[in-house]
PDB file of all heavy atoms in Angstrom:
ATOM      1  N   PRO A   1     117.320 103.558  83.782  1.00  0.00           N
ATOM      2  CA  PRO A   1     117.754 103.325  85.180  1.00  0.00           C
ATOM      3  C   PRO A   1     116.766 102.353  85.833  1.00  0.00           C
ATOM      4  O   PRO A   1     115.579 102.288  85.505  1.00  0.00           O
ATOM      5  CB  PRO A   1     117.658 104.671  85.802  1.00  0.00           C
ATOM      6  CG  PRO A   1     116.581 105.419  85.016  1.00  0.00           C
ATOM      7  CD  PRO A   1     116.782 104.931  83.617  1.00  0.00           C
ATOM      8  N   THR A   2     117.295 101.552  86.711  1.00  0.00           N
ATOM      9  CA  THR A   2     116.459 100.635  87.521  1.00  0.00           C
ATOM     10  C   THR A   2     116.162 101.274  88.860  1.00  0.00           C
ATOM     11  O   THR A   2     116.768 102.300  89.238  1.00  0.00           O
ATOM     12  CB  THR A   2     117.158  99.307  87.783  1.00  0.00           C
ATOM     13  OG1 THR A   2     118.348  99.534  88.557  1.00  0.00           O
ATOM     14  CG2 THR A   2     117.597  98.639  86.474  1.00  0.00           C
ATOM     15  N   ARG A   3     115.240 100.717  89.584  1.00  0.00           N
ATOM     16  CA  ARG A   3     114.935 101.216  90.903  1.00  0.00           C
ATOM     17  C   ARG A   3     116.142 101.036  91.849  1.00  0.00           C
ATOM     18  O   ARG A   3     116.431 101.917  92.633  1.00  0.00           O
ATOM     19  CB  ARG A   3     113.688 100.601  91.506  1.00  0.00           C
ATOM     20  CG  ARG A   3     113.289 101.112  92.894  1.00  0.00           C
ATOM     21  CD  ARG A   3     111.842 100.781  93.204  1.00  0.00           C
ATOM     22  NE  ARG A   3     110.945 101.531  92.341  1.00  0.00           N
ATOM     23  CZ  ARG A   3     110.577 102.779  92.536  1.00  0.00           C
ATOM     24  NH1 ARG A   3     111.060 103.460  93.575  1.00  0.00           N
ATOM     25  NH2 ARG A   3     109.715 103.380  91.751  1.00  0.00           N
ATOM     26  N   ASP A   4     116.807  99.920  91.748  1.00  0.00           N
ATOM     27  CA  ASP A   4     117.946  99.663  92.584  1.00  0.00           C
ATOM     28  C   ASP A   4     119.117 100.665  92.308  1.00  0.00           C
ATOM     29  O   ASP A   4     119.643 101.197  93.245  1.00  0.00           O
ATOM     30  CB  ASP A   4     118.495  98.264  92.323  1.00  0.00           C
ATOM     31  CG  ASP A   4     119.708  97.924  93.131  1.00  0.00           C
ATOM     32  OD1 ASP A   4     119.601  97.851  94.380  1.00  0.00           O
ATOM     33  OD2 ASP A   4     120.817  97.779  92.581  1.00  0.00           O
ATOM     34  N   PHE A   5     119.336 100.963  91.017  1.00  0.00           N
ATOM     35  CA  PHE A   5     120.299 101.969  90.649  1.00  0.00           C
ATOM     36  C   PHE A   5     119.929 103.338  91.287  1.00  0.00           C
ATOM     37  O   PHE A   5     120.799 104.031  91.839  1.00  0.00           O
ATOM     38  CB  PHE A   5     120.373 102.094  89.138  1.00  0.00           C
ATOM     39  CG  PHE A   5     121.266 103.193  88.640  1.00  0.00           C
ATOM     40  CD1 PHE A   5     122.572 102.935  88.329  1.00  0.00           C
ATOM     41  CD2 PHE A   5     120.778 104.478  88.424  1.00  0.00           C
ATOM     42  CE1 PHE A   5     123.454 103.909  87.874  1.00  0.00           C
ATOM     43  CE2 PHE A   5     121.618 105.500  87.931  1.00  0.00           C
ATOM     44  CZ  PHE A   5     122.961 105.243  87.648  1.00  0.00           C
ATOM     45  N   SER A   6     118.677 103.703  91.158  1.00  0.00           N
ATOM     46  CA  SER A   6     118.175 104.976  91.679  1.00  0.00           C
ATOM     47  C   SER A   6     118.320 105.106  93.164  1.00  0.00           C
ATOM     48  O   SER A   6     118.742 106.152  93.713  1.00  0.00           O
ATOM     49  CB  SER A   6     116.726 105.200  91.320  1.00  0.00           C
ATOM     50  OG  SER A   6     116.568 105.075  89.861  1.00  0.00           O
ATOM     51  N   GLU A   7     118.085 104.060  93.878  1.00  0.00           N
ATOM     52  CA  GLU A   7     118.198 104.076  95.345  1.00  0.00           C
ATOM     53  C   GLU A   7     119.656 104.181  95.772  1.00  0.00           C
ATOM     54  O   GLU A   7     119.995 104.905  96.728  1.00  0.00           O
ATOM     55  CB  GLU A   7     117.551 102.822  95.978  1.00  0.00           C
ATOM     56  CG  GLU A   7     116.050 102.789  95.822  1.00  0.00           C
ATOM     57  CD  GLU A   7     115.401 101.475  96.216  1.00  0.00           C
ATOM     58  OE1 GLU A   7     116.174 100.451  96.428  1.00  0.00           O
ATOM     59  OE2 GLU A   7     114.218 101.416  96.320  1.00  0.00           O
ATOM     60  N   ARG A   8     120.551 103.528  94.990  1.00  0.00           N
ATOM     61  CA  ARG A   8     121.982 103.638  95.295  1.00  0.00           C
ATOM     62  C   ARG A   8     122.475 105.031  94.997  1.00  0.00           C
ATOM     63  O   ARG A   8     123.340 105.590  95.754  1.00  0.00           O
ATOM     64  CB  ARG A   8     122.757 102.625  94.453  1.00  0.00           C
ATOM     65  CG  ARG A   8     122.559 101.162  94.864  1.00  0.00           C
ATOM     66  CD  ARG A   8     123.281 100.217  93.965  1.00  0.00           C
ATOM     67  NE  ARG A   8     123.036  98.860  94.295  1.00  0.00           N
ATOM     68  CZ  ARG A   8     123.719  98.115  95.201  1.00  0.00           C
ATOM     69  NH1 ARG A   8     124.717  98.691  95.777  1.00  0.00           N
ATOM     70  NH2 ARG A   8     123.417  96.840  95.416  1.00  0.00           N
ATOM     71  N   VAL A   9     121.960 105.678  93.912  1.00  0.00           N
ATOM     72  CA  VAL A   9     122.410 107.039  93.609  1.00  0.00           C
ATOM     73  C   VAL A   9     121.932 107.998  94.731  1.00  0.00           C
ATOM     74  O   VAL A   9     122.678 108.889  95.126  1.00  0.00           O
ATOM     75  CB  VAL A   9     121.811 107.446  92.233  1.00  0.00           C
ATOM     76  CG1 VAL A   9     121.967 108.974  92.054  1.00  0.00           C
ATOM     77  CG2 VAL A   9     122.504 106.750  91.092  1.00  0.00           C
ATOM     78  N   ASP A  10     120.686 107.804  95.180  1.00  0.00           N
ATOM     79  CA  ASP A  10     120.224 108.678  96.267  1.00  0.00           C
ATOM     80  C   ASP A  10     121.064 108.574  97.521  1.00  0.00           C
ATOM     81  O   ASP A  10     121.378 109.587  98.135  1.00  0.00           O
ATOM     82  CB  ASP A  10     118.756 108.335  96.607  1.00  0.00           C
ATOM     83  CG  ASP A  10     117.729 108.927  95.634  1.00  0.00           C
ATOM     84  OD1 ASP A  10     117.977 110.008  95.164  1.00  0.00           O
ATOM     85  OD2 ASP A  10     116.675 108.311  95.462  1.00  0.00           O
ATOM     86  N   ALA A  11     121.496 107.332  97.808  1.00  0.00           N
ATOM     87  CA  ALA A  11     122.339 107.152  99.003  1.00  0.00           C
ATOM     88  C   ALA A  11     123.669 107.776  98.817  1.00  0.00           C
ATOM     89  O   ALA A  11     124.267 108.394  99.691  1.00  0.00           O
ATOM     90  CB  ALA A  11     122.429 105.661  99.284  1.00  0.00           C
ATOM     91  N   ALA A  12     124.249 107.606  97.579  1.00  0.00           N
ATOM     92  CA  ALA A  12     125.617 108.082  97.322  1.00  0.00           C
ATOM     93  C   ALA A  12     125.671 109.621  97.223  1.00  0.00           C
ATOM     94  O   ALA A  12     126.651 110.259  97.723  1.00  0.00           O
ATOM     95  CB  ALA A  12     126.109 107.498  96.008  1.00  0.00           C
ATOM     96  N   LEU A  13     124.624 110.221  96.661  1.00  0.00           N
ATOM     97  CA  LEU A  13     124.678 111.680  96.426  1.00  0.00           C
ATOM     98  C   LEU A  13     123.888 112.452  97.496  1.00  0.00           C
ATOM     99  O   LEU A  13     123.879 113.699  97.480  1.00  0.00           O
ATOM    100  CB  LEU A  13     124.086 112.002  95.012  1.00  0.00           C
ATOM    101  CG  LEU A  13     124.857 111.421  93.849  1.00  0.00           C
ATOM    102  CD1 LEU A  13     124.200 111.827  92.530  1.00  0.00           C
ATOM    103  CD2 LEU A  13     126.280 111.764  93.855  1.00  0.00           C
ATOM    104  N   GLY A  14     123.225 111.736  98.397  1.00  0.00           N
ATOM    105  CA  GLY A  14     122.471 112.453  99.421  1.00  0.00           C
ATOM    106  C   GLY A  14     121.313 113.275  98.894  1.00  0.00           C
ATOM    107  O   GLY A  14     121.047 114.369  99.294  1.00  0.00           O
ATOM    108  N   THR A  15     120.578 112.697  97.908  1.00  0.00           N
ATOM    109  CA  THR A  15     119.587 113.464  97.177  1.00  0.00           C
ATOM    110  C   THR A  15     118.152 113.253  97.754  1.00  0.00           C
ATOM    111  O   THR A  15     117.125 113.550  97.093  1.00  0.00           O
ATOM    112  CB  THR A  15     119.616 113.118  95.695  1.00  0.00           C
ATOM    113  OG1 THR A  15     119.813 111.755  95.489  1.00  0.00           O
ATOM    114  CG2 THR A  15     120.753 113.851  95.009  1.00  0.00           C
ATOM    115  N   ASP A  16     118.047 112.629  98.927  1.00  0.00           N
ATOM    116  CA  ASP A  16     116.798 112.574  99.663  1.00  0.00           C
ATOM    117  C   ASP A  16     115.666 111.942  98.808  1.00  0.00           C
ATOM    118  O   ASP A  16     114.557 112.448  98.804  1.00  0.00           O
ATOM    119  CB  ASP A  16     116.362 113.976 100.112  1.00  0.00           C
ATOM    120  CG  ASP A  16     115.266 113.928 101.115  1.00  0.00           C
ATOM    121  OD1 ASP A  16     115.129 112.956 101.866  1.00  0.00           O
ATOM    122  OD2 ASP A  16     114.451 114.903 101.136  1.00  0.00           O
ATOM    123  N   GLY A  17     115.955 110.833  98.156  1.00  0.00           N
ATOM    124  CA  GLY A  17     114.935 110.109  97.442  1.00  0.00           C
ATOM    125  C   GLY A  17     114.514 110.699  96.082  1.00  0.00           C
ATOM    126  O   GLY A  17     113.590 110.154  95.473  1.00  0.00           O
ATOM    127  N   THR A  18     115.251 111.674  95.621  1.00  0.00           N
ATOM    128  CA  THR A  18     114.879 112.334  94.368  1.00  0.00           C
ATOM    129  C   THR A  18     114.801 111.313  93.165  1.00  0.00           C
ATOM    130  O   THR A  18     113.865 111.202  92.427  1.00  0.00           O
ATOM    131  CB  THR A  18     115.888 113.419  93.961  1.00  0.00           C
ATOM    132  OG1 THR A  18     115.733 114.472  94.949  1.00  0.00           O
ATOM    133  CG2 THR A  18     115.602 113.984  92.585  1.00  0.00           C
ATOM    134  N   PHE A  19     115.867 110.534  93.055  1.00  0.00           N
ATOM    135  CA  PHE A  19     115.942 109.549  91.912  1.00  0.00           C
ATOM    136  C   PHE A  19     115.039 108.358  92.107  1.00  0.00           C
ATOM    137  O   PHE A  19     114.505 107.820  91.163  1.00  0.00           O
ATOM    138  CB  PHE A  19     117.393 109.165  91.697  1.00  0.00           C
ATOM    139  CG  PHE A  19     118.248 110.294  91.147  1.00  0.00           C
ATOM    140  CD1 PHE A  19     119.034 110.995  92.041  1.00  0.00           C
ATOM    141  CD2 PHE A  19     118.205 110.702  89.877  1.00  0.00           C
ATOM    142  CE1 PHE A  19     119.819 112.097  91.619  1.00  0.00           C
ATOM    143  CE2 PHE A  19     118.986 111.784  89.371  1.00  0.00           C
ATOM    144  CZ  PHE A  19     119.766 112.458  90.293  1.00  0.00           C
ATOM    145  N   SER A  20     114.798 107.991  93.397  1.00  0.00           N
ATOM    146  CA  SER A  20     113.848 106.957  93.671  1.00  0.00           C
ATOM    147  C   SER A  20     112.436 107.342  93.300  1.00  0.00           C
ATOM    148  O   SER A  20     111.604 106.504  92.822  1.00  0.00           O
ATOM    149  CB  SER A  20     113.887 106.542  95.139  1.00  0.00           C
ATOM    150  OG  SER A  20     115.172 106.059  95.481  1.00  0.00           O
ATOM    151  N   ARG A  21     112.143 108.661  93.347  1.00  0.00           N
ATOM    152  CA  ARG A  21     110.840 109.109  92.949  1.00  0.00           C
ATOM    153  C   ARG A  21     110.768 109.279  91.443  1.00  0.00           C
ATOM    154  O   ARG A  21     109.772 108.893  90.772  1.00  0.00           O
ATOM    155  CB  ARG A  21     110.466 110.464  93.632  1.00  0.00           C
ATOM    156  CG  ARG A  21     110.236 110.355  95.134  1.00  0.00           C
ATOM    157  CD  ARG A  21     109.732 111.611  95.730  1.00  0.00           C
ATOM    158  NE  ARG A  21     110.750 112.677  95.695  1.00  0.00           N
ATOM    159  CZ  ARG A  21     111.621 112.882  96.685  1.00  0.00           C
ATOM    160  NH1 ARG A  21     111.624 112.080  97.737  1.00  0.00           N
ATOM    161  NH2 ARG A  21     112.508 113.856  96.558  1.00  0.00           N
ATOM    162  N   LEU A  22     111.812 109.792  90.848  1.00  0.00           N
ATOM    163  CA  LEU A  22     111.856 110.003  89.383  1.00  0.00           C
ATOM    164  C   LEU A  22     111.775 108.696  88.628  1.00  0.00           C
ATOM    165  O   LEU A  22     111.197 108.665  87.526  1.00  0.00           O
ATOM    166  CB  LEU A  22     113.118 110.755  88.964  1.00  0.00           C
ATOM    167  CG  LEU A  22     113.182 112.261  89.274  1.00  0.00           C
ATOM    168  CD1 LEU A  22     114.534 112.794  88.871  1.00  0.00           C
ATOM    169  CD2 LEU A  22     112.062 112.981  88.501  1.00  0.00           C
ATOM    170  N   VAL A  23     112.406 107.641  89.100  1.00  0.00           N
ATOM    171  CA  VAL A  23     112.446 106.407  88.372  1.00  0.00           C
ATOM    172  C   VAL A  23     111.060 105.805  88.080  1.00  0.00           C
ATOM    173  O   VAL A  23     110.874 105.204  87.064  1.00  0.00           O
ATOM    174  CB  VAL A  23     113.376 105.350  89.045  1.00  0.00           C
ATOM    175  CG1 VAL A  23     112.687 104.716  90.270  1.00  0.00           C
ATOM    176  CG2 VAL A  23     113.803 104.296  88.067  1.00  0.00           C
ATOM    177  N   GLY A  24     110.132 106.069  88.966  1.00  0.00           N
ATOM    178  CA  GLY A  24     108.762 105.598  88.722  1.00  0.00           C
ATOM    179  C   GLY A  24     108.181 106.216  87.453  1.00  0.00           C
ATOM    180  O   GLY A  24     107.538 105.525  86.642  1.00  0.00           O
ATOM    181  N   LEU A  25     108.434 107.565  87.303  1.00  0.00           N
ATOM    182  CA  LEU A  25     107.901 108.238  86.097  1.00  0.00           C
ATOM    183  C   LEU A  25     108.666 107.723  84.849  1.00  0.00           C
ATOM    184  O   LEU A  25     108.087 107.551  83.765  1.00  0.00           O
ATOM    185  CB  LEU A  25     108.155 109.741  86.231  1.00  0.00           C
ATOM    186  CG  LEU A  25     107.364 110.409  87.363  1.00  0.00           C
ATOM    187  CD1 LEU A  25     107.731 111.855  87.446  1.00  0.00           C
ATOM    188  CD2 LEU A  25     105.846 110.293  87.109  1.00  0.00           C
ATOM    189  N   VAL A  26     109.958 107.509  84.985  1.00  0.00           N
ATOM    190  CA  VAL A  26     110.777 107.054  83.847  1.00  0.00           C
ATOM    191  C   VAL A  26     110.288 105.679  83.377  1.00  0.00           C
ATOM    192  O   VAL A  26     110.079 105.422  82.200  1.00  0.00           O
ATOM    193  CB  VAL A  26     112.266 106.929  84.222  1.00  0.00           C
ATOM    194  CG1 VAL A  26     113.038 106.264  83.119  1.00  0.00           C
ATOM    195  CG2 VAL A  26     112.815 108.339  84.486  1.00  0.00           C
ATOM    196  N   LEU A  27     110.070 104.796  84.337  1.00  0.00           N
ATOM    197  CA  LEU A  27     109.681 103.407  83.956  1.00  0.00           C
ATOM    198  C   LEU A  27     108.259 103.375  83.361  1.00  0.00           C
ATOM    199  O   LEU A  27     108.018 102.641  82.430  1.00  0.00           O
ATOM    200  CB  LEU A  27     109.777 102.464  85.151  1.00  0.00           C
ATOM    201  CG  LEU A  27     111.223 102.206  85.659  1.00  0.00           C
ATOM    202  CD1 LEU A  27     111.224 101.412  86.899  1.00  0.00           C
ATOM    203  CD2 LEU A  27     112.048 101.571  84.563  1.00  0.00           C
ATOM    204  N   ARG A  28     107.365 104.195  83.932  1.00  0.00           N
ATOM    205  CA  ARG A  28     106.012 104.281  83.381  1.00  0.00           C
ATOM    206  C   ARG A  28     106.052 104.756  81.937  1.00  0.00           C
ATOM    207  O   ARG A  28     105.222 104.353  81.144  1.00  0.00           O
ATOM    208  CB  ARG A  28     105.134 105.070  84.269  1.00  0.00           C
ATOM    209  CG  ARG A  28     103.685 105.078  83.802  1.00  0.00           C
ATOM    210  CD  ARG A  28     102.734 105.505  84.886  1.00  0.00           C
ATOM    211  NE  ARG A  28     102.744 104.526  85.957  1.00  0.00           N
ATOM    212  CZ  ARG A  28     101.985 104.572  87.056  1.00  0.00           C
ATOM    213  NH1 ARG A  28     101.146 105.574  87.173  1.00  0.00           N
ATOM    214  NH2 ARG A  28     102.060 103.663  87.958  1.00  0.00           N
TER     215      ARG A  28
END
């Protein structure tokens, strides 16, 4: 996943930044 994808998912699912935070760990 990309950061852009993760931010879009958070907005779509109302997950309060969960995927935006997780993507940093994934990419690292």
